[in-house]
């Protein structure tokens, strides 16, 4: 069985900053205490994992896990 987009993104996020609590689609990066460098690292890892490109404007719009899942799903199809 293939891992879902959400599982793969979660794994990436967890490698950048080990998660100490359950997340949901509406968890914000602010709630995770992430700064812009964490987000840049995540975007880079996601681009590599999914073989997609996320523009700077798109990266700046990522505020929740839902926004990450949505952009990956859109660009992967």
N, C-alpha and C. Protein backbone atom coordinates (compact mmCIF):
# COMPACT_ATOMS: atom_id res chain seq x y z
N UNK A 1 0.84 -1.18 0.00
CA UNK A 1 0.00 0.00 0.00
C UNK A 1 0.89 1.25 0.00
N UNK A 2 0.52 2.21 -0.79
CA UNK A 2 1.28 3.44 -0.91
C UNK A 2 0.92 4.39 0.23
N UNK A 3 1.94 5.05 0.75
CA UNK A 3 1.70 6.05 1.79
C UNK A 3 0.91 7.22 1.22
N UNK A 4 0.00 7.76 2.02
CA UNK A 4 -0.77 8.91 1.58
C UNK A 4 0.09 10.17 1.59
N UNK A 5 -0.37 11.18 0.89
CA UNK A 5 0.31 12.48 0.89
C UNK A 5 0.45 12.98 2.32
N UNK A 6 -0.62 12.87 3.09
CA UNK A 6 -0.59 13.36 4.47
C UNK A 6 0.47 12.64 5.28
N UNK A 7 0.57 11.32 5.13
CA UNK A 7 1.58 10.56 5.88
C UNK A 7 2.99 10.98 5.49
N UNK A 8 3.20 11.17 4.20
CA UNK A 8 4.53 11.55 3.73
C UNK A 8 4.90 12.95 4.20
N UNK A 9 3.95 13.89 4.14
CA UNK A 9 4.20 15.25 4.62
C UNK A 9 4.45 15.23 6.12
N UNK A 10 3.65 14.46 6.84
CA UNK A 10 3.83 14.35 8.30
C UNK A 10 5.23 13.85 8.62
N UNK A 11 5.71 12.86 7.89
CA UNK A 11 7.06 12.33 8.12
C UNK A 11 8.12 13.41 7.90
N UNK A 12 7.94 14.22 6.86
CA UNK A 12 8.87 15.32 6.58
C UNK A 12 8.86 16.33 7.73
N UNK A 13 7.66 16.71 8.14
CA UNK A 13 7.53 17.68 9.23
C UNK A 13 8.17 17.14 10.50
N UNK A 14 7.96 15.88 10.77
CA UNK A 14 8.50 15.26 11.99
C UNK A 14 10.02 15.17 11.96
N UNK A 15 10.63 15.09 10.79
CA UNK A 15 12.09 15.06 10.73
C UNK A 15 12.69 16.45 10.95
N UNK A 16 11.96 17.47 10.57
CA UNK A 16 12.44 18.84 10.77
C UNK A 16 12.35 19.22 12.25
N UNK A 17 11.24 18.87 12.85
CA UNK A 17 11.04 19.15 14.26
C UNK A 17 10.19 18.02 14.84
N UNK A 18 10.80 17.14 15.62
CA UNK A 18 10.02 16.03 16.18
C UNK A 18 8.77 16.54 16.90
N UNK A 19 7.67 15.94 16.55
CA UNK A 19 6.38 16.41 17.05
C UNK A 19 6.04 15.75 18.38
N UNK A 20 5.57 16.56 19.28
CA UNK A 20 5.26 16.08 20.62
C UNK A 20 3.77 15.94 20.86
N UNK A 21 2.97 16.21 19.84
CA UNK A 21 1.52 16.13 20.01
C UNK A 21 0.86 15.74 18.70
N UNK A 22 -0.39 15.39 18.82
CA UNK A 22 -1.15 15.04 17.63
C UNK A 22 -1.42 16.29 16.80
N UNK A 23 -1.39 16.11 15.52
CA UNK A 23 -1.69 17.21 14.61
C UNK A 23 -2.99 16.93 13.90
N UNK A 24 -3.60 17.99 13.43
CA UNK A 24 -4.75 17.83 12.53
C UNK A 24 -4.53 18.76 11.36
N UNK A 25 -5.40 18.67 10.40
CA UNK A 25 -5.23 19.45 9.16
C UNK A 25 -5.21 20.96 9.42
N UNK A 26 -5.79 21.41 10.52
CA UNK A 26 -5.86 22.85 10.79
C UNK A 26 -4.76 23.35 11.72
N UNK A 27 -3.83 22.47 12.08
CA UNK A 27 -2.70 22.90 12.90
C UNK A 27 -1.88 23.91 12.11
N UNK A 28 -1.55 25.02 12.76
CA UNK A 28 -0.78 26.07 12.09
C UNK A 28 0.70 25.92 12.43
N UNK A 29 1.53 26.49 11.57
CA UNK A 29 2.96 26.48 11.84
C UNK A 29 3.28 27.38 13.03
N UNK A 30 2.45 28.38 13.25
CA UNK A 30 2.62 29.23 14.43
C UNK A 30 2.42 28.40 15.70
N UNK A 31 1.42 27.52 15.69
CA UNK A 31 1.18 26.65 16.85
C UNK A 31 2.36 25.70 17.09
N UNK A 32 3.07 25.36 16.02
CA UNK A 32 4.24 24.49 16.14
C UNK A 32 5.50 25.28 16.51
N UNK A 33 5.36 26.61 16.60
CA UNK A 33 6.49 27.51 16.88
C UNK A 33 7.55 27.46 15.79
N UNK A 34 7.11 27.30 14.56
CA UNK A 34 8.04 27.27 13.43
C UNK A 34 8.35 28.69 12.98
N UNK A 35 9.58 28.88 12.53
CA UNK A 35 9.95 30.16 11.94
C UNK A 35 10.09 29.97 10.42
N UNK A 36 10.47 31.02 9.75
CA UNK A 36 10.54 30.97 8.30
C UNK A 36 11.58 29.96 7.80
N UNK A 37 12.65 29.76 8.55
CA UNK A 37 13.67 28.78 8.15
C UNK A 37 13.12 27.36 8.20
N UNK A 38 12.30 27.06 9.19
CA UNK A 38 11.67 25.74 9.27
C UNK A 38 10.78 25.51 8.06
N UNK A 39 10.04 26.54 7.68
CA UNK A 39 9.13 26.41 6.54
C UNK A 39 9.92 26.25 5.24
N UNK A 40 11.00 27.00 5.09
CA UNK A 40 11.85 26.87 3.90
C UNK A 40 12.40 25.45 3.81
N UNK A 41 12.86 24.92 4.93
CA UNK A 41 13.38 23.55 4.94
C UNK A 41 12.29 22.54 4.57
N UNK A 42 11.09 22.73 5.11
CA UNK A 42 9.98 21.85 4.80
C UNK A 42 9.65 21.90 3.31
N UNK A 43 9.57 23.10 2.76
CA UNK A 43 9.24 23.24 1.34
C UNK A 43 10.29 22.54 0.48
N UNK A 44 11.54 22.72 0.83
CA UNK A 44 12.62 22.07 0.08
C UNK A 44 12.48 20.55 0.12
N UNK A 45 12.23 20.01 1.30
CA UNK A 45 12.06 18.56 1.46
C UNK A 45 10.84 18.06 0.70
N UNK A 46 9.76 18.82 0.73
CA UNK A 46 8.54 18.42 0.02
C UNK A 46 8.77 18.44 -1.48
N UNK A 47 9.46 19.48 -1.97
CA UNK A 47 9.75 19.55 -3.40
C UNK A 47 10.55 18.33 -3.85
N UNK A 48 11.50 17.94 -3.04
CA UNK A 48 12.33 16.78 -3.38
C UNK A 48 11.52 15.48 -3.29
N UNK A 49 10.77 15.32 -2.23
CA UNK A 49 9.99 14.09 -2.01
C UNK A 49 8.95 13.85 -3.10
N UNK A 50 8.28 14.93 -3.51
CA UNK A 50 7.17 14.80 -4.46
C UNK A 50 7.53 15.22 -5.88
N UNK A 51 8.76 15.62 -6.11
CA UNK A 51 9.22 16.08 -7.43
C UNK A 51 8.31 17.18 -7.97
N UNK A 52 8.09 18.20 -7.14
CA UNK A 52 7.28 19.35 -7.52
C UNK A 52 8.07 20.62 -7.22
N UNK A 53 7.56 21.74 -7.73
CA UNK A 53 8.15 23.04 -7.44
C UNK A 53 7.09 23.90 -6.77
N UNK A 54 7.46 24.52 -5.66
CA UNK A 54 6.57 25.43 -4.94
C UNK A 54 7.20 26.81 -5.01
N UNK A 55 6.47 27.74 -5.59
CA UNK A 55 7.00 29.10 -5.75
C UNK A 55 7.13 29.79 -4.40
N UNK A 56 7.88 30.88 -4.39
CA UNK A 56 8.05 31.65 -3.15
C UNK A 56 6.72 32.15 -2.63
N UNK A 57 5.87 32.65 -3.54
CA UNK A 57 4.54 33.13 -3.14
C UNK A 57 3.70 32.01 -2.54
N UNK A 58 3.76 30.83 -3.17
CA UNK A 58 3.02 29.69 -2.64
C UNK A 58 3.55 29.29 -1.27
N UNK A 59 4.85 29.29 -1.11
CA UNK A 59 5.46 28.93 0.17
C UNK A 59 5.04 29.91 1.27
N UNK A 60 4.97 31.18 0.94
CA UNK A 60 4.58 32.19 1.92
C UNK A 60 3.11 32.04 2.33
N UNK A 61 2.31 31.41 1.47
CA UNK A 61 0.88 31.24 1.78
C UNK A 61 0.62 30.02 2.66
N UNK A 62 1.64 29.20 2.91
CA UNK A 62 1.46 27.99 3.72
C UNK A 62 1.38 28.38 5.19
N UNK A 63 0.20 28.23 5.75
CA UNK A 63 -0.02 28.59 7.16
C UNK A 63 -0.46 27.41 8.01
N UNK A 64 -1.10 26.42 7.38
CA UNK A 64 -1.61 25.25 8.10
C UNK A 64 -1.16 23.98 7.38
N UNK A 65 -1.29 22.87 8.07
CA UNK A 65 -0.99 21.59 7.42
C UNK A 65 -1.92 21.36 6.24
N UNK A 66 -3.17 21.78 6.38
CA UNK A 66 -4.13 21.64 5.28
C UNK A 66 -3.61 22.35 4.02
N UNK A 67 -3.04 23.52 4.18
CA UNK A 67 -2.54 24.25 3.01
C UNK A 67 -1.38 23.51 2.35
N UNK A 68 -0.57 22.82 3.15
CA UNK A 68 0.54 22.03 2.60
C UNK A 68 -0.02 20.82 1.86
N UNK A 69 -0.92 20.09 2.49
CA UNK A 69 -1.52 18.92 1.84
C UNK A 69 -2.18 19.31 0.53
N UNK A 70 -2.91 20.43 0.56
CA UNK A 70 -3.64 20.86 -0.64
C UNK A 70 -2.70 21.20 -1.80
N UNK A 71 -1.63 21.93 -1.51
CA UNK A 71 -0.73 22.31 -2.60
C UNK A 71 0.02 21.09 -3.15
N UNK A 72 0.39 20.18 -2.28
CA UNK A 72 1.07 18.97 -2.74
C UNK A 72 0.13 18.13 -3.60
N UNK A 73 -1.09 17.98 -3.14
CA UNK A 73 -2.08 17.20 -3.90
C UNK A 73 -2.33 17.84 -5.27
N UNK A 74 -2.48 19.15 -5.29
CA UNK A 74 -2.72 19.87 -6.55
C UNK A 74 -1.56 19.70 -7.53
N UNK A 75 -0.35 19.85 -7.03
CA UNK A 75 0.83 19.81 -7.90
C UNK A 75 1.25 18.38 -8.26
N UNK A 76 0.82 17.41 -7.50
CA UNK A 76 1.19 16.02 -7.75
C UNK A 76 0.27 15.34 -8.75
N UNK A 77 -0.87 15.94 -9.01
CA UNK A 77 -1.83 15.27 -9.91
C UNK A 77 -1.65 15.67 -11.35
